[in-house]
Structures are given as C-alpha cells and as structure tokens.
C-alpha cells in the first residue's frame, strides 16, 4: 500500500487533522478523510489519531491512500530569477502566477519543477518529494523573494527560525481606500472561515495568534501603497488582516471586491525583503526582491490619476 508523507509547518498549527488533510487532498471529501482516519490509515508521528487531533509544527503525517500514490516530479527547464545562492540556500524572485510546489492534480510548471532543474540533487528532502527544498511558501499570485534549502541541515535551521518568528519578512502591497494612520499594528487571530473552507478569517474562534505591522509608503486617490511586516506567518495573513480593517488588497477578489476594474491577476502583493541567520555561518543575510514591472506601472498610473 502506498503512503503519502506530509510534514506540518507552522501555518497549520492547532488545526484539526481532518481539516489539514482536506486542504492537502482537495479532491477528497472531508467525510472520506474522516473515514480513513477512523480506520487507522492516518498516522501522526507513527500513531493513529482521531479526526479532532490538533496539529503541531513538525508533526509527520503518514496517509495510506493507494489511489493517491505520489507521482514522479520532474525537473523542468523554467527560467529562474536568482537573487542569491550558495551551497546551503537559494533565494529566488517568484513571478506572479507560479505555484510554489506541486499538488495533487497539478504537477508541472511549479517553482519546485524549476528549482529541481537548477539544483539537480542538491535539495532538502524533509518535506517529501512534492516539496523538495521548500521550507515556506507564498501564494500563486503573490510575487517576490522565497528561500529554498539545499540540504536537510539548512532546512532544519531555517524552519526553526520560522517557528520562533525571527525571520524578517517585509511585503509591499497596494490596498483599496486611503489609510489615515501612517503606521499601525493589526493584532487579530486568524483561522479557517466558518463557512468557506478555502478562505481564512480574522477574529475567529480558535484562530491562531497573528500580527501584521503596516506602514504607509504613499497615498493616492482611493488607494494606499503600504509596507507590511509579518510578526507571524499565517495563511493569507496580510490579505486577511488588511481586509479586516476595511482596506483589502487591490486585485484580491477573494477577500475584497469581486469586481476587478484594473484587470489584475490576483492581489497586488510582493514579498520584498527576506532576512535570516545563515544556517552555516550564523551571519544575518537579507535579500531584497525588486518590485515586478506590473506593480511599478500600477504605481505610476495611480500617481498620475491622483
């Protein structure tokens, strides 16, 4: 019987194991997953659990699911914008529209396929064959800097920094509406939306602690360009937090208006700065990803209109 191995990162801490698997195995119903959990076909750290088990960071989940054997993920010659590289780490500037890692039913044209071609066999294997080298991720339509770990030792040290929230993560975004304050902090727990499973929500019961610091970079007519620094790293954190204070990201049709007058491909969000302690030297390293062309042109248009 084939097995699927999943390693839980901090994004899913305190989430029920059945909900976690629903997110990972989207083509399977939650009732089906609850059934196989009850049958003992899902092990967490080697032990059978109930569907109500709450996930912890670094939990290892093994799922016996014959029809979902992990496919062979192939290296693909896809161009990468490399920002920094050494024997342990690779920092890339992810383009808009690119998925970070393969998922069930979507195995090609991802960042992982591109990184496998570039790095050959030099990638950490802690997160399994679907996510070699991947220690964190950003959304498909979010651009910007992402770090890839080339070996397991580097992966563990970077993952530990993520766990204790010591990594510097600064994003730039354009939000709808004009922010009155020059800066502020949004402190509101984030968890799964009560009725829409694929969405997150702020202030929900049993949500995870989440804090976003924001600073106004420039105000326009009807919009604001902001820098957001993450103190925590929850799923869709900036998108959810800015929407919670009635300033959703421009182009975000999930957490903002379904109308898209600017004809954008998803939210206007860019991972600008990523800083961490190097896993081998211990020195602080900070990598900066330039704003994508679409973002720069949008700022110019807003400036003219204002």
Protein backbone atom coordinates (compact mmCIF):
# COMPACT_ATOMS: atom_id res chain seq x y z
CA UNK A 1 0.00 0.00 0.00
CA UNK A 2 1.41 3.39 -0.99
CA UNK A 3 1.87 6.16 1.53
CA UNK A 4 1.78 9.93 1.39
CA UNK A 5 4.10 11.71 3.83
CA UNK A 6 3.30 15.26 4.90
CA UNK A 7 5.26 17.46 7.30
CA UNK A 8 3.24 20.09 9.16
CA UNK A 9 4.60 23.64 9.19
CA UNK A 10 3.54 26.46 11.50
CA UNK A 11 0.78 27.54 9.11
CA UNK A 12 -1.33 24.59 10.23
CA UNK A 13 -0.57 24.60 13.96
CA UNK A 14 -3.65 23.77 16.07
CA UNK A 15 -5.73 22.83 13.01
CA UNK A 16 -7.69 19.56 13.14
CA UNK A 17 -6.01 16.75 11.24
CA UNK A 18 -9.11 16.14 9.09
CA UNK A 19 -9.20 19.80 8.05
CA UNK A 20 -5.46 19.77 7.40
CA UNK A 21 -5.87 16.79 5.08
CA UNK A 22 -8.86 18.41 3.37
CA UNK A 23 -6.59 21.28 2.42
CA UNK A 24 -3.79 18.98 1.23
CA UNK A 25 -6.04 16.49 -0.59
CA UNK A 26 -8.65 18.81 -2.05
CA UNK A 27 -10.17 16.21 -4.37
CA UNK A 28 -11.16 14.03 -1.40
CA UNK A 29 -14.21 14.87 0.71
CA UNK A 30 -13.78 15.54 4.39
CA UNK A 31 -16.14 12.69 5.22
CA UNK A 32 -13.94 10.27 3.24
CA UNK A 33 -10.85 11.50 5.07
CA UNK A 34 -12.60 11.15 8.43
CA UNK A 35 -13.44 7.56 7.43
CA UNK A 36 -9.84 6.58 6.72
CA UNK A 37 -8.71 8.35 9.91
CA UNK A 38 -11.20 6.24 11.85
CA UNK A 39 -9.85 3.14 10.09
CA UNK A 40 -6.36 3.95 11.36
CA UNK A 41 -4.96 4.75 7.94
CA UNK A 42 -3.68 8.14 9.07
CA UNK A 43 -0.74 8.19 11.47
CA UNK A 44 0.70 11.27 13.17
CA UNK A 45 4.25 10.71 14.39
CA UNK A 46 3.66 6.98 14.00
CA UNK A 47 0.42 6.82 16.00
CA UNK A 48 -3.23 6.61 14.94
CA UNK A 49 -5.23 9.69 15.90
CA UNK A 50 -8.81 10.90 15.95
CA UNK A 51 -10.15 13.36 13.38
CA UNK A 52 -10.22 16.01 16.10
CA UNK A 53 -6.45 15.79 16.74
CA UNK A 54 -4.87 19.28 16.65
CA UNK A 55 -1.75 19.59 14.52
CA UNK A 56 1.60 20.79 15.88
CA UNK A 57 4.55 22.18 13.92
CA UNK A 58 6.87 19.43 12.63
CA UNK A 59 4.22 16.70 13.03
CA UNK A 60 4.77 13.96 10.45
CA UNK A 61 1.54 12.71 8.89
CA UNK A 62 1.50 9.42 7.00
CA UNK A 63 -1.58 8.61 4.92
CA UNK A 64 -2.30 5.19 3.40
CA UNK A 65 -4.07 6.15 0.19
CA UNK A 66 -3.36 3.74 -2.68
CA UNK A 67 -5.12 5.78 -5.36
CA UNK A 68 -3.08 8.85 -4.44
CA UNK A 69 0.43 7.49 -4.80
CA UNK A 70 2.87 10.38 -5.08
CA UNK A 71 3.84 10.83 -8.73
CA UNK A 72 7.33 11.38 -10.01
CA UNK A 73 8.03 15.11 -10.02
CA UNK A 74 10.19 16.05 -12.98
CA UNK A 75 12.79 18.80 -13.30
CA UNK A 76 11.77 21.39 -15.89
CA UNK A 77 13.92 23.99 -17.61
CA UNK A 78 11.94 27.01 -16.41
CA UNK A 79 13.77 30.35 -16.08
CA UNK A 80 14.51 31.47 -12.52
CA UNK A 81 15.39 34.94 -11.28
CA UNK A 82 18.10 34.12 -8.74
CA UNK A 83 18.72 36.78 -6.11
CA UNK A 84 21.37 34.94 -4.07
CA UNK A 85 22.83 31.43 -3.98
CA UNK A 86 25.42 29.44 -2.03
CA UNK A 87 25.93 25.79 -1.03
CA UNK A 88 23.07 25.89 1.52
CA UNK A 89 20.50 28.37 0.26
CA UNK A 90 18.89 29.63 -2.92
CA UNK A 91 16.86 32.86 -2.91
CA UNK A 92 14.60 33.38 -5.93
CA UNK A 93 12.17 36.06 -7.04
CA UNK A 94 8.94 34.15 -7.72
CA UNK A 95 6.85 35.55 -10.58
CA UNK A 96 3.11 36.12 -10.48
CA UNK A 97 1.02 33.13 -11.47
CA UNK A 98 3.56 30.47 -10.49
CA UNK A 99 2.58 27.88 -7.89
CA UNK A 100 5.35 27.15 -5.36
CA UNK A 101 5.11 23.36 -5.20
CA UNK A 102 3.24 20.54 -6.96
CA UNK A 103 -0.07 19.43 -5.51
CA UNK A 104 -2.45 16.65 -6.41
CA UNK A 105 -3.59 17.15 -9.98
CA UNK A 106 -1.04 19.93 -10.58
CA UNK A 107 2.47 18.53 -11.04
CA UNK A 108 4.20 20.73 -13.61
CA UNK A 109 5.30 24.33 -14.18
CA UNK A 110 5.77 24.98 -10.45
CA UNK A 111 8.70 26.63 -8.71
CA UNK A 112 9.77 23.20 -7.45
CA UNK A 113 9.99 21.86 -11.02
CA UNK A 114 12.21 24.82 -11.92
CA UNK A 115 14.38 24.54 -8.79
CA UNK A 116 14.89 20.80 -9.34
CA UNK A 117 16.34 21.54 -12.78
CA UNK A 118 18.62 24.25 -11.41
CA UNK A 119 19.81 22.48 -8.26
CA UNK A 120 19.86 18.89 -9.57
CA UNK A 121 20.10 16.65 -6.49
CA UNK A 122 21.01 19.44 -4.06
CA UNK A 123 17.70 19.98 -2.26
CA UNK A 124 16.48 19.17 1.24
CA UNK A 125 14.13 16.20 1.46
CA UNK A 126 12.45 16.91 4.79
CA UNK A 127 9.13 17.96 3.23
CA UNK A 128 8.89 14.95 0.91
CA UNK A 129 9.07 14.53 -2.86
CA UNK A 130 6.32 17.08 -3.57
CA UNK A 131 8.17 19.87 -1.78
CA UNK A 132 11.93 19.34 -2.05
CA UNK A 133 13.77 22.34 -0.63
CA UNK A 134 10.57 24.13 0.33
CA UNK A 135 10.51 25.50 3.87
CA UNK A 136 7.87 28.22 3.37
CA UNK A 137 5.69 29.43 0.54
CA UNK A 138 3.82 32.41 -0.87
CA UNK A 139 0.55 32.45 -2.79
CA UNK A 140 0.38 31.77 -6.53
CA UNK A 141 -0.41 35.41 -7.38
CA UNK A 142 1.99 36.91 -4.82
CA UNK A 143 5.41 37.77 -6.23
CA UNK A 144 8.75 38.09 -4.52
CA UNK A 145 11.58 36.54 -2.57
CA UNK A 146 11.46 32.93 -1.42
CA UNK A 147 14.26 30.86 0.13
CA UNK A 148 14.99 27.28 -0.95
CA UNK A 149 17.05 24.95 1.28
CA UNK A 150 19.61 22.76 -0.44
CA UNK A 151 20.18 20.29 2.37
CA UNK A 152 18.39 18.96 5.45
CA UNK A 153 20.69 20.72 7.94
CA UNK A 154 19.93 24.11 6.39
CA UNK A 155 16.23 23.25 6.23
CA UNK A 156 16.05 22.45 9.95
CA UNK A 157 17.78 25.68 10.96
CA UNK A 158 15.64 27.88 8.72
CA UNK A 159 12.47 26.07 9.82
CA UNK A 160 13.37 26.72 13.46
CA UNK A 161 13.69 30.46 12.74
CA UNK A 162 10.29 30.41 11.07
CA UNK A 163 8.83 28.63 14.08
CA UNK A 164 10.01 31.32 16.53
CA UNK A 165 9.12 34.18 14.12
CA UNK A 166 12.70 35.53 13.97
CA UNK A 167 12.88 35.83 10.18
CA UNK A 168 12.47 39.31 8.67
CA UNK A 169 9.62 39.30 6.16
CA UNK A 170 8.60 42.60 4.59
CA UNK A 171 5.97 42.85 1.86
CA UNK A 172 4.72 45.73 -0.26
CA UNK A 173 1.08 45.99 -1.25
CA UNK A 174 -1.47 48.38 -2.70
CA UNK A 175 -4.68 48.45 -0.70
CA UNK A 176 -8.04 49.96 -1.53
CA UNK A 177 -9.01 53.12 0.32
CA UNK A 178 -6.80 55.74 1.94
CA UNK A 179 -5.26 54.79 5.28
CA UNK A 180 -5.46 57.62 7.80
CA UNK A 181 -2.67 56.46 10.11
CA UNK A 182 0.93 56.49 8.87
CA UNK A 183 1.57 53.15 10.58
CA UNK A 184 -0.12 50.61 12.79
CA UNK A 185 -0.34 47.03 14.02
CA UNK A 186 -3.14 44.57 13.28
CA UNK A 187 -3.34 42.04 16.10
CA UNK A 188 -6.12 39.56 15.33
CA UNK A 189 -6.07 35.75 15.35
CA UNK A 190 -6.51 34.02 12.00
CA UNK A 191 -8.25 30.71 11.35
CA UNK A 192 -10.35 28.91 8.77
CA UNK A 193 -13.51 30.72 7.68
CA UNK A 194 -16.51 29.20 9.41
CA UNK A 195 -18.46 28.50 6.22
CA UNK A 196 -15.98 28.83 3.32
CA UNK A 197 -13.28 26.20 3.95
CA UNK A 198 -10.72 27.53 1.48
CA UNK A 199 -10.81 31.02 2.98
CA UNK A 200 -9.23 32.32 6.17
CA UNK A 201 -10.79 34.88 8.52
CA UNK A 202 -9.62 37.24 11.26
CA UNK A 203 -11.01 37.10 14.78
CA UNK A 204 -12.47 33.61 14.50
CA UNK A 205 -12.80 31.31 17.48
CA UNK A 206 -9.74 29.06 17.90
CA UNK A 207 -7.80 31.19 15.41
CA UNK A 208 -4.01 31.33 15.61
CA UNK A 209 -2.17 34.33 17.02
CA UNK A 210 -1.36 36.74 14.18
CA UNK A 211 0.21 40.21 13.99
CA UNK A 212 0.96 42.41 11.00
CA UNK A 213 2.81 45.74 11.19
CA UNK A 214 1.99 48.17 8.39
CA UNK A 215 3.49 51.49 7.25
CA UNK A 216 2.20 53.88 4.59
CA UNK A 217 4.64 54.42 1.72
CA UNK A 218 2.42 56.67 -0.42
CA UNK A 219 -1.22 57.71 -0.63
CA UNK A 220 -3.17 58.00 -3.87
CA UNK A 221 -6.73 58.87 -4.77
CA UNK A 222 -8.67 55.91 -3.41
CA UNK A 223 -5.64 53.69 -2.76
CA UNK A 224 -2.60 53.38 -0.49
CA UNK A 225 0.82 51.84 -1.09
CA UNK A 226 1.96 50.13 2.11
CA UNK A 227 4.77 48.07 3.57
CA UNK A 228 3.63 45.16 5.73
CA UNK A 229 6.00 43.34 8.05
CA UNK A 230 4.95 39.95 9.37
CA UNK A 231 5.47 39.18 13.02
CA UNK A 232 3.76 35.82 12.48
CA UNK A 233 3.18 33.84 9.29
CA UNK A 234 -0.38 32.63 8.92
CA UNK A 235 -2.09 31.59 5.70
CA UNK A 236 -3.13 34.68 3.68
CA UNK A 237 -2.17 36.81 6.72
CA UNK A 238 -1.67 40.18 5.02
CA UNK A 239 -4.68 39.72 2.76
CA UNK A 240 -6.94 38.76 5.67
CA UNK A 241 -5.63 41.39 8.08
CA UNK A 242 -5.87 44.32 5.66
CA UNK A 243 -9.38 43.23 4.66
CA UNK A 244 -10.30 43.08 8.35
CA UNK A 245 -9.62 46.83 8.72
CA UNK A 246 -11.63 47.52 5.53
CA UNK A 247 -8.61 48.02 3.27
CA UNK A 248 -8.41 44.81 1.17
CA UNK A 249 -5.59 44.44 -1.31
CA UNK A 250 -6.16 45.79 -4.80
CA UNK A 251 -6.98 42.90 -7.12
CA UNK A 252 -7.87 40.50 -4.31
CA UNK A 253 -11.25 39.16 -5.40
CA UNK A 254 -11.30 36.60 -2.57
CA UNK A 255 -11.05 38.94 0.42
CA UNK A 256 -12.03 42.16 -1.34
CA UNK A 257 -14.46 43.14 -4.07
CA UNK A 258 -15.25 40.57 -6.75
CA UNK A 259 -15.04 43.40 -9.25
CA UNK A 260 -11.62 43.83 -10.87
CA UNK A 261 -11.64 47.14 -12.77
CA UNK A 262 -7.85 47.15 -13.11
CA UNK A 263 -7.92 43.66 -14.70
CA UNK A 264 -5.24 42.38 -12.35
CA UNK A 265 -4.12 38.78 -11.95
CA UNK A 266 -4.85 38.40 -8.26
CA UNK A 267 -3.79 40.52 -5.31
CA UNK A 268 -1.19 43.28 -5.58
CA UNK A 269 1.28 41.84 -3.08
CA UNK A 270 5.06 41.47 -3.29
CA UNK A 271 7.45 39.76 -0.86
CA UNK A 272 10.13 42.47 -0.88
CA UNK A 273 12.59 41.52 1.87
CA UNK A 274 13.58 38.22 3.47
CA UNK A 275 16.23 38.19 6.18
CA UNK A 276 17.52 35.30 8.30
CA UNK A 277 20.55 33.88 10.09
CA UNK A 278 22.61 31.83 7.66
CA UNK A 279 22.38 28.14 8.65
CA UNK A 280 26.14 27.57 8.29
CA UNK A 281 27.81 30.86 9.23
CA UNK A 282 25.23 32.26 11.66
CA UNK A 283 25.59 35.67 9.98
CA UNK A 284 22.47 37.68 9.21
CA UNK A 285 21.67 37.71 5.49
CA UNK A 286 18.96 39.87 3.92
CA UNK A 287 17.75 39.56 0.33
CA UNK A 288 15.68 42.17 -1.49
CA UNK A 289 13.45 41.41 -4.49
CA UNK A 290 12.76 44.33 -6.86
CA UNK A 291 9.14 45.23 -7.50
CA UNK A 292 7.69 43.48 -10.57
CA UNK A 293 7.05 45.57 -13.66
CA UNK A 294 3.23 45.35 -13.34
CA UNK A 295 3.46 46.76 -9.79
CA UNK A 296 5.73 49.64 -10.86
CA UNK A 297 3.44 50.55 -13.77
CA UNK A 298 0.41 50.44 -11.47
CA UNK A 299 2.08 52.86 -9.05
CA UNK A 300 2.83 55.21 -11.96
CA UNK A 301 -0.81 55.10 -13.14
CA UNK A 302 -2.13 55.76 -9.65
CA UNK A 303 0.29 58.67 -9.25
CA UNK A 304 -0.91 60.24 -12.49
CA UNK A 305 -4.57 59.77 -11.57
CA UNK A 306 -4.01 61.35 -8.16
